[in-house]
Protein backbone atom coordinates (compact mmCIF):
# COMPACT_ATOMS: atom_id res chain seq x y z
CA UNK A 1 108.11 107.39 97.33
CA UNK A 2 110.71 110.15 96.81
CA UNK A 3 110.90 111.65 93.38
CA UNK A 4 112.56 114.62 91.75
CA UNK A 5 110.08 117.40 91.32
CA UNK A 6 110.26 120.92 90.00
CA UNK A 7 108.42 123.88 91.48
CA UNK A 8 108.86 127.58 90.80
CA UNK A 9 110.04 129.69 93.70
CA UNK A 10 110.37 133.44 93.79
CA UNK A 11 114.06 133.05 92.93
CA UNK A 12 113.29 130.82 89.93
CA UNK A 13 112.86 127.11 89.28
CA UNK A 14 114.37 124.69 91.76
CA UNK A 15 114.54 120.92 91.93
CA UNK A 16 113.02 119.50 95.10
CA UNK A 17 111.98 116.26 96.76
CA UNK A 18 108.41 115.03 97.24
CA UNK A 19 107.37 112.30 99.67
CA UNK A 20 104.19 110.81 98.24
CA UNK A 21 102.41 108.79 100.93
CA UNK A 22 99.97 107.23 98.48
CA UNK A 23 102.84 104.80 97.89
CA UNK A 24 103.89 101.85 100.08
CA UNK A 25 107.54 102.10 99.04
CA UNK A 26 110.04 103.94 101.22
CA UNK A 27 112.15 106.76 99.70
CA UNK A 28 115.69 105.95 98.61
CA UNK A 29 118.09 106.64 101.46
CA UNK A 30 115.30 106.57 104.07
CA UNK A 31 114.40 103.75 106.47
CA UNK A 32 111.00 102.74 107.77
CA UNK A 33 110.87 100.36 110.72
CA UNK A 34 108.22 98.66 112.83
CA UNK A 35 109.17 95.37 114.49
CA UNK A 36 105.62 94.00 114.37
CA UNK A 37 102.59 93.80 112.12
CA UNK A 38 99.99 96.55 112.09
CA UNK A 39 96.27 96.76 111.32
CA UNK A 40 95.14 99.55 109.02
CA UNK A 41 92.20 100.43 106.78
CA UNK A 42 92.96 99.54 103.17
CA UNK A 43 91.57 100.87 99.91
CA UNK A 44 88.48 98.62 100.18
CA UNK A 45 87.53 100.16 103.55
CA UNK A 46 88.25 97.03 105.58
CA UNK A 47 90.95 96.48 108.19
CA UNK A 48 93.99 94.74 106.74
CA UNK A 49 97.38 93.61 108.06
CA UNK A 50 100.76 95.10 107.14
CA UNK A 51 103.72 92.87 107.95
CA UNK A 52 106.83 93.82 109.90
CA UNK A 53 108.60 96.91 108.50
CA UNK A 54 105.91 97.44 105.84
CA UNK A 55 104.57 101.01 105.69
CA UNK A 56 100.83 100.80 104.92
CA UNK A 57 98.78 103.30 102.93
CA UNK A 58 95.63 104.17 104.89
CA UNK A 59 92.16 105.04 103.60
CA UNK A 60 88.93 106.39 105.05
CA UNK A 61 86.74 103.36 105.89
CA UNK A 62 83.50 104.85 104.52
CA UNK A 63 84.47 107.27 101.72
CA UNK A 64 87.54 105.23 100.66
CA UNK A 65 89.43 108.53 100.36
CA UNK A 66 93.22 108.30 100.59
CA UNK A 67 94.46 109.39 104.03
CA UNK A 68 98.17 108.56 103.81
CA UNK A 69 100.77 107.54 106.40
CA UNK A 70 99.51 107.00 109.96
CA UNK A 71 102.67 107.19 112.08
CA UNK A 72 102.17 105.68 115.55
CA UNK A 73 104.16 104.94 118.66
CA UNK A 74 104.14 101.56 120.31
CA UNK A 75 100.86 100.42 121.79
CA UNK A 76 99.67 97.51 123.94
CA UNK A 77 96.14 96.18 124.09
CA UNK A 78 95.53 94.82 127.61
CA UNK A 79 91.93 93.83 126.90
CA UNK A 80 92.07 90.05 126.42
CA UNK A 81 90.09 87.96 123.94
CA UNK A 82 89.40 91.11 121.96
CA UNK A 83 87.18 89.31 119.44
CA UNK A 84 86.04 86.28 121.48
CA UNK A 85 83.21 87.55 123.66
CA UNK A 86 82.04 83.99 124.33
CA UNK A 87 85.26 83.41 126.30
CA UNK A 88 85.11 83.31 130.11
CA UNK A 89 87.43 86.33 130.25
CA UNK A 90 84.30 88.36 129.51
CA UNK A 91 81.76 88.46 132.31
CA UNK A 92 78.24 88.11 130.94
CA UNK A 93 75.36 89.14 133.19
CA UNK A 94 71.96 88.46 131.61
CA UNK A 95 73.85 88.34 128.29
CA UNK A 96 73.99 85.69 125.55
CA UNK A 97 76.78 86.15 122.98
CA UNK A 98 76.61 84.43 119.59
CA UNK A 99 79.95 84.35 117.76
CA UNK A 100 80.42 84.69 113.98
CA UNK A 101 77.07 86.40 113.50
CA UNK A 102 77.89 89.16 111.01
CA UNK A 103 80.63 90.59 108.81
CA UNK A 104 83.18 92.43 110.97
CA UNK A 105 85.36 95.46 110.09
CA UNK A 106 88.18 93.15 108.94
CA UNK A 107 85.94 91.60 106.25
CA UNK A 108 85.54 88.28 108.07
CA UNK A 109 82.48 86.85 109.80
CA UNK A 110 83.84 87.90 113.17
CA UNK A 111 81.12 90.08 114.62
CA UNK A 112 79.48 88.78 117.81
CA UNK A 113 75.75 89.19 118.38
CA UNK A 114 74.92 90.25 121.95
CA UNK A 115 71.40 89.42 123.15
CA UNK A 116 70.29 90.83 126.48
CA UNK A 117 67.71 89.18 128.72
CA UNK A 118 64.82 90.69 130.67
CA UNK A 119 66.28 90.92 134.18
CA UNK A 120 67.22 94.57 133.71
CA UNK A 121 70.81 93.90 134.83
CA UNK A 122 72.45 93.04 131.51
CA UNK A 123 76.12 93.96 131.13
CA UNK A 124 79.12 92.63 129.21
CA UNK A 125 82.37 93.46 131.00
CA UNK A 126 86.00 92.56 131.54
CA UNK A 127 88.16 93.20 134.60
CA UNK A 128 91.56 94.69 133.71
CA UNK A 129 94.51 95.60 135.93
CA UNK A 130 95.76 99.10 135.19
CA UNK A 131 98.32 101.57 136.55
CA UNK A 132 96.98 104.09 139.05
CA UNK A 133 96.53 107.71 137.93
CA UNK A 134 97.36 106.85 134.33
CA UNK A 135 95.45 107.79 131.20
CA UNK A 136 93.72 104.93 129.35
CA UNK A 137 91.45 104.68 126.31
CA UNK A 138 88.90 101.90 125.83
CA UNK A 139 87.61 101.34 122.29
CA UNK A 140 85.11 98.93 120.82
CA UNK A 141 83.41 98.46 117.46
CA UNK A 142 79.61 98.37 117.85
CA UNK A 143 76.73 97.88 115.43
CA UNK A 144 72.98 98.21 115.81
CA UNK A 145 70.78 95.15 116.26
CA UNK A 146 67.28 96.08 117.40
CA UNK A 147 68.08 98.94 119.79
CA UNK A 148 69.44 102.44 119.25
CA UNK A 149 71.24 103.43 122.44
CA UNK A 150 74.23 101.78 124.13
CA UNK A 151 76.18 102.77 127.22
CA UNK A 152 79.95 102.15 127.32
CA UNK A 153 81.75 102.83 130.58
CA UNK A 154 85.02 102.38 132.43
CA UNK A 155 85.11 102.13 136.21
CA UNK A 156 87.51 101.24 138.99
CA UNK A 157 84.58 100.57 141.31
CA UNK A 158 84.49 104.07 142.73
CA UNK A 159 85.26 106.33 139.80
CA UNK A 160 83.43 105.98 136.48
CA UNK A 161 83.20 107.61 133.08
CA UNK A 162 80.08 106.85 131.02
CA UNK A 163 79.50 107.43 127.33
CA UNK A 164 76.18 106.88 125.59
CA UNK A 165 76.14 106.31 121.84
CA UNK A 166 73.34 106.13 119.30
CA UNK A 167 74.24 103.26 116.96
CA UNK A 168 71.37 104.15 114.63
CA UNK A 169 72.61 107.68 113.83
CA UNK A 170 76.30 107.27 114.71
CA UNK A 171 76.18 110.11 117.23
CA UNK A 172 77.74 110.36 120.65
CA UNK A 173 75.27 111.08 123.41
CA UNK A 174 75.87 112.19 126.97
CA UNK A 175 79.23 111.76 128.66
CA UNK A 176 79.12 111.73 132.46
CA UNK A 177 81.41 110.88 135.37
CA UNK A 178 81.07 109.86 138.97
CA UNK A 179 83.75 109.95 141.63
CA UNK A 180 87.12 111.37 140.64
CA UNK A 181 87.93 110.91 136.96
CA UNK A 182 90.14 113.32 135.03
CA UNK A 183 91.02 113.93 131.38
CA UNK A 184 87.84 112.34 130.03
CA UNK A 185 87.02 112.29 126.33
CA UNK A 186 85.14 110.24 123.75
CA UNK A 187 85.14 109.83 119.97
CA UNK A 188 83.18 107.87 117.37
CA UNK A 189 84.30 106.84 113.87
CA UNK A 190 82.12 105.27 111.19
CA UNK A 191 83.23 102.10 109.40
CA UNK A 192 81.80 99.97 106.64
CA UNK A 193 78.61 97.94 107.06
CA UNK A 194 77.16 100.26 109.75
CA UNK A 195 79.93 99.63 112.31
CA UNK A 196 81.18 102.40 114.61
CA UNK A 197 84.36 102.48 116.65
CA UNK A 198 83.61 104.19 119.95
CA UNK A 199 86.48 105.31 122.19
CA UNK A 200 86.25 106.43 125.83
CA UNK A 201 89.21 108.02 127.64
CA UNK A 202 89.80 108.66 131.34
CA UNK A 203 92.30 108.70 134.18
CA UNK A 204 91.54 106.97 137.49
CA UNK A 205 93.12 106.42 140.88
CA UNK A 206 92.24 102.72 141.09
CA UNK A 207 94.08 99.79 139.53
CA UNK A 208 91.20 97.28 139.17
CA UNK A 209 89.32 98.57 136.14
CA UNK A 210 86.27 97.20 134.39
CA UNK A 211 85.38 98.02 130.77
CA UNK A 212 81.68 97.44 130.10
CA UNK A 213 78.77 97.83 127.70
CA UNK A 214 74.99 97.36 127.83
CA UNK A 215 71.86 98.65 126.10
CA UNK A 216 70.10 101.85 127.20
CA UNK A 217 66.49 102.86 126.80
CA UNK A 218 67.52 106.44 125.98
CA UNK A 219 70.45 108.82 126.11
CA UNK A 220 71.87 109.12 129.66
CA UNK A 221 69.68 106.26 130.89
CA UNK A 222 71.01 103.20 132.73
CA UNK A 223 67.74 101.34 132.16
CA UNK A 224 68.27 98.37 129.84
CA UNK A 225 66.06 97.38 126.93
CA UNK A 226 64.59 93.93 127.46
CA UNK A 227 65.66 91.60 124.67
CA UNK A 228 68.05 94.19 123.20
CA UNK A 229 70.45 93.05 120.50
CA UNK A 230 73.63 94.64 119.13
CA UNK A 231 76.95 93.52 117.69
CA UNK A 232 80.49 93.95 119.05
CA UNK A 233 84.01 93.39 117.73
CA UNK A 234 87.59 94.48 118.42
CA UNK A 235 87.81 95.50 122.08
CA UNK A 236 90.93 97.47 123.01
CA UNK A 237 92.18 99.06 126.24
CA UNK A 238 95.46 100.95 125.95
CA UNK A 239 97.58 103.41 127.85
CA UNK A 240 97.14 106.42 125.60
CA UNK A 241 95.10 109.59 125.19
CA UNK A 242 93.45 108.28 122.00
CA UNK A 243 92.59 104.97 120.37
CA UNK A 244 95.31 103.74 118.02
CA UNK A 245 95.24 101.12 115.27
CA UNK A 246 93.61 97.88 116.36
CA UNK A 247 95.76 95.27 118.15
CA UNK A 248 93.99 91.88 118.41
CA UNK A 249 94.47 89.76 121.53
CA UNK A 250 93.70 86.23 122.67
CA UNK A 251 94.82 84.88 126.07
CA UNK A 252 97.38 87.63 126.71
CA UNK A 253 98.03 91.26 125.93
CA UNK A 254 99.56 92.15 122.56
CA UNK A 255 101.84 94.96 121.43
CA UNK A 256 102.27 96.90 118.19
CA UNK A 257 105.85 98.15 117.87
CA UNK A 258 106.87 101.78 117.42
CA UNK A 259 107.17 103.10 113.87
CA UNK A 260 110.01 105.30 112.62
CA UNK A 261 110.70 106.89 109.25
CA UNK A 262 113.88 108.89 108.78
CA UNK A 263 116.90 109.44 106.57
CA UNK A 264 119.88 111.76 106.00
CA UNK A 265 119.20 115.14 104.44
CA UNK A 266 121.98 114.26 102.00
CA UNK A 267 119.46 111.88 100.37
CA UNK A 268 117.18 114.78 99.48
CA UNK A 269 117.35 116.13 95.93
CA UNK A 270 117.85 119.63 97.26
CA UNK A 271 118.60 120.65 100.82
CA UNK A 272 120.92 123.06 102.59
CA UNK A 273 120.92 124.78 105.94
CA UNK A 274 121.12 128.31 104.58
CA UNK A 275 118.05 128.41 102.33
CA UNK A 276 115.12 126.04 102.01
CA UNK A 277 111.38 125.40 102.09
CA UNK A 278 109.37 122.48 103.47
CA UNK A 279 105.67 121.73 103.02
CA UNK A 280 103.58 119.36 105.14
CA UNK A 281 100.11 118.22 104.00
CA UNK A 282 98.34 116.14 106.65
CA UNK A 283 95.21 115.36 108.67
CA UNK A 284 95.33 116.13 112.40
CA UNK A 285 94.80 113.52 115.09
CA UNK A 286 93.04 114.22 118.37
CA UNK A 287 95.12 116.35 120.72
CA UNK A 288 95.46 116.10 124.46
CA UNK A 289 95.83 118.97 126.91
CA UNK A 290 99.27 118.11 128.28
CA UNK A 291 102.43 116.08 127.74
CA UNK A 292 101.88 115.09 124.11
CA UNK A 293 103.28 116.87 121.05
CA UNK A 294 102.46 115.61 117.54
CA UNK A 295 105.42 116.13 115.22
CA UNK A 296 105.02 116.30 111.47
CA UNK A 297 108.56 117.13 110.28
CA UNK A 298 111.78 117.25 112.28
CA UNK A 299 115.22 118.25 111.05
CA UNK A 300 117.82 117.07 113.57
CA UNK A 301 121.54 117.61 113.99
CA UNK A 302 123.70 116.89 117.01
CA UNK A 303 122.07 117.34 120.44
CA UNK A 304 120.39 120.74 120.76
CA UNK A 305 120.30 121.52 117.03
CA UNK A 306 116.89 121.13 115.38
CA UNK A 307 114.00 122.56 113.39
CA UNK A 308 110.54 121.13 114.17
CA UNK A 309 107.08 121.54 112.68
CA UNK A 310 104.55 120.04 115.08
CA UNK A 311 101.29 120.44 117.00
CA UNK A 312 102.43 121.83 120.32
CA UNK A 313 100.52 120.96 123.50
CA UNK A 314 101.95 124.07 125.21
CA UNK A 315 99.84 126.01 122.66
CA UNK A 316 96.72 123.80 122.97
CA UNK A 317 97.46 121.79 119.85
CA UNK A 318 98.34 124.67 117.51
CA UNK A 319 100.80 123.95 114.70
CA UNK A 320 104.15 125.46 115.64
CA UNK A 321 107.46 125.89 113.79
CA UNK A 322 110.42 126.21 116.13
CA UNK A 323 114.19 126.03 115.95
CA UNK A 324 117.07 125.55 118.37
CA UNK A 325 120.80 126.11 117.91
CA UNK A 326 123.04 124.55 120.56
CA UNK A 327 120.02 124.32 122.91
CA UNK A 328 119.29 128.03 122.47
CA UNK A 329 115.78 128.66 121.13
CA UNK A 330 115.97 130.66 117.91
CA UNK A 331 112.37 131.05 116.75
CA UNK A 332 108.88 129.96 117.76
CA UNK A 333 106.17 130.73 115.19
CA UNK A 334 102.42 130.10 115.32
CA UNK A 335 99.47 130.59 112.97
CA UNK A 336 95.75 129.80 113.43
CA UNK A 337 94.09 129.98 116.84
CA UNK A 338 93.76 126.80 118.92
CA UNK A 339 90.99 124.47 117.80
CA UNK A 340 90.16 126.47 114.66
CA UNK A 341 90.87 125.93 110.96
CA UNK A 342 93.88 123.74 110.35
CA UNK A 343 94.45 123.35 114.11
CA UNK A 344 91.16 121.54 114.72
CA UNK A 345 91.13 117.82 115.47
CA UNK A 346 90.55 115.87 112.26
CA UNK A 347 91.25 118.91 110.07
CA UNK A 348 93.21 118.68 106.83
CA UNK A 349 95.97 121.27 106.87
CA UNK A 350 98.88 122.53 104.77
CA UNK A 351 101.88 124.02 106.57
CA UNK A 352 104.74 125.71 104.72
CA UNK A 353 107.97 126.76 106.41
CA UNK A 354 111.06 128.45 104.96
CA UNK A 355 114.44 129.64 106.11
CA UNK A 356 117.03 131.85 104.44
CA UNK A 357 119.99 133.29 106.33
CA UNK A 358 118.42 134.77 109.50
CA UNK A 359 114.89 134.94 108.09
CA UNK A 360 112.28 132.35 109.10
CA UNK A 361 108.65 132.12 107.91
CA UNK A 362 105.68 129.86 108.65
CA UNK A 363 102.35 129.90 106.80
CA UNK A 364 99.36 127.61 107.43
CA UNK A 365 96.56 127.11 104.91
CA UNK A 366 97.45 130.20 102.89
CA UNK A 367 97.50 132.69 105.77
CA UNK A 368 99.93 135.59 105.85
CA UNK A 369 103.17 134.12 107.23
CA UNK A 370 104.49 134.51 110.75
CA UNK A 371 108.12 135.58 110.60
CA UNK A 372 111.33 135.93 112.59
CA UNK A 373 114.18 137.97 111.10
CA UNK A 374 116.85 137.49 113.74
CA UNK A 375 117.25 133.71 114.01
CA UNK A 376 120.27 131.46 113.64
CA UNK A 377 119.46 128.40 111.51
CA UNK A 378 120.95 125.24 113.08
CA UNK A 379 123.07 122.73 111.19
CA UNK A 380 121.04 119.54 110.73
CA UNK A 381 121.76 116.14 109.21
CA UNK A 382 118.59 114.01 109.52
CA UNK A 383 114.97 114.35 108.43
CA UNK A 384 112.48 112.63 110.78
CA UNK A 385 108.89 112.17 109.62
CA UNK A 386 106.01 111.86 112.09
CA UNK A 387 108.18 111.83 115.23
CA UNK A 388 110.87 109.39 116.36
CA UNK A 389 110.71 107.73 119.80
CA UNK A 390 108.37 110.44 121.10
CA UNK A 391 105.99 113.12 119.77
CA UNK A 392 104.20 110.70 117.42
CA UNK A 393 102.01 112.37 114.84
CA UNK A 394 99.09 109.86 115.07
CA UNK A 395 97.26 111.69 112.27
CA UNK A 396 97.67 111.01 108.55
CA UNK A 397 100.53 112.49 106.54
CA UNK A 398 99.68 112.76 102.84
CA UNK A 399 102.63 114.57 101.34
CA UNK A 400 105.87 116.31 102.27
CA UNK A 401 107.89 118.49 99.92
CA UNK A 402 111.41 119.76 100.51
CA UNK A 403 112.94 122.45 98.26
């Protein structure tokens, strides 16, 4: 929602524009697009469905705190039968799955009970064809039955990444690898009704990948627990450095379309190229060490003319305000150190940038501003929120103000 808003600046009162992402509606003059539905966590803490071109408002699944706008790129889940673990697509060794056994994270009775036998070889797995030397993330919702520790792993037969998780405490345990696996990572997120979404990331040389899970007698142990029980739901394997919003599958892969939100700066209550201020209030996503920026705000003109506020992978995920005029870099400002304060993964941060004539300033979370006093401000015509076809934010944008 875009509304007129008044804030005092050092030069006096000035009308501005506020994007309030607690609202589903799209600001006048701006366009939101996504040519598919999308799953998101609603205000009741359960996963809901937003239809095509509907911008959802996201909430924390356990605290029910407003998170805002989760801008994502396109994503494809190549893990089939993502909720139907009784299907033959899933290989079940010394495993008995029982469908519809408990309330699942989408507020339906979709959780599958997994019961392991006593042979000591139990494993639930699916074979997936992947692209060699490409980064993938496997995610799965899990819930405790009668055992605490589970082992999730991805392997191409030679190279493996393992992640142990304690489904009683909601803590990640040991992460280990064998063979040649690069760019490994893991995360865990709590959901309602004692569910956890566990994500495991890695890059492999093989193309025949298996995603798997079984019980563990302890952290870092491959010994199963005889008669172990636990619940699973929502398997996803995607070509990305983090797990994105859930994409259900049946007999084939499924794709969530890219999201875009942009509009002309002429739609803003107050904007000009010679003097202005922009504020971004957001929660950071997970960063990756190379190739992926996460853009919060972008002002774009013709090719080579832009001002961007984004987490920059060249600076290890630090928030960065930069500008270019006719492809010539004009300024490049940083604030907090990598991985600290408002630059940490999952951190809530406020970034304020301003420009006036040749003077540029960037302040993050109330710190003394970084400045450049010799820049040329480019002529821009479009405001892009959360990235366009690349540099997707993936975190949660709560509010943007333009003065």
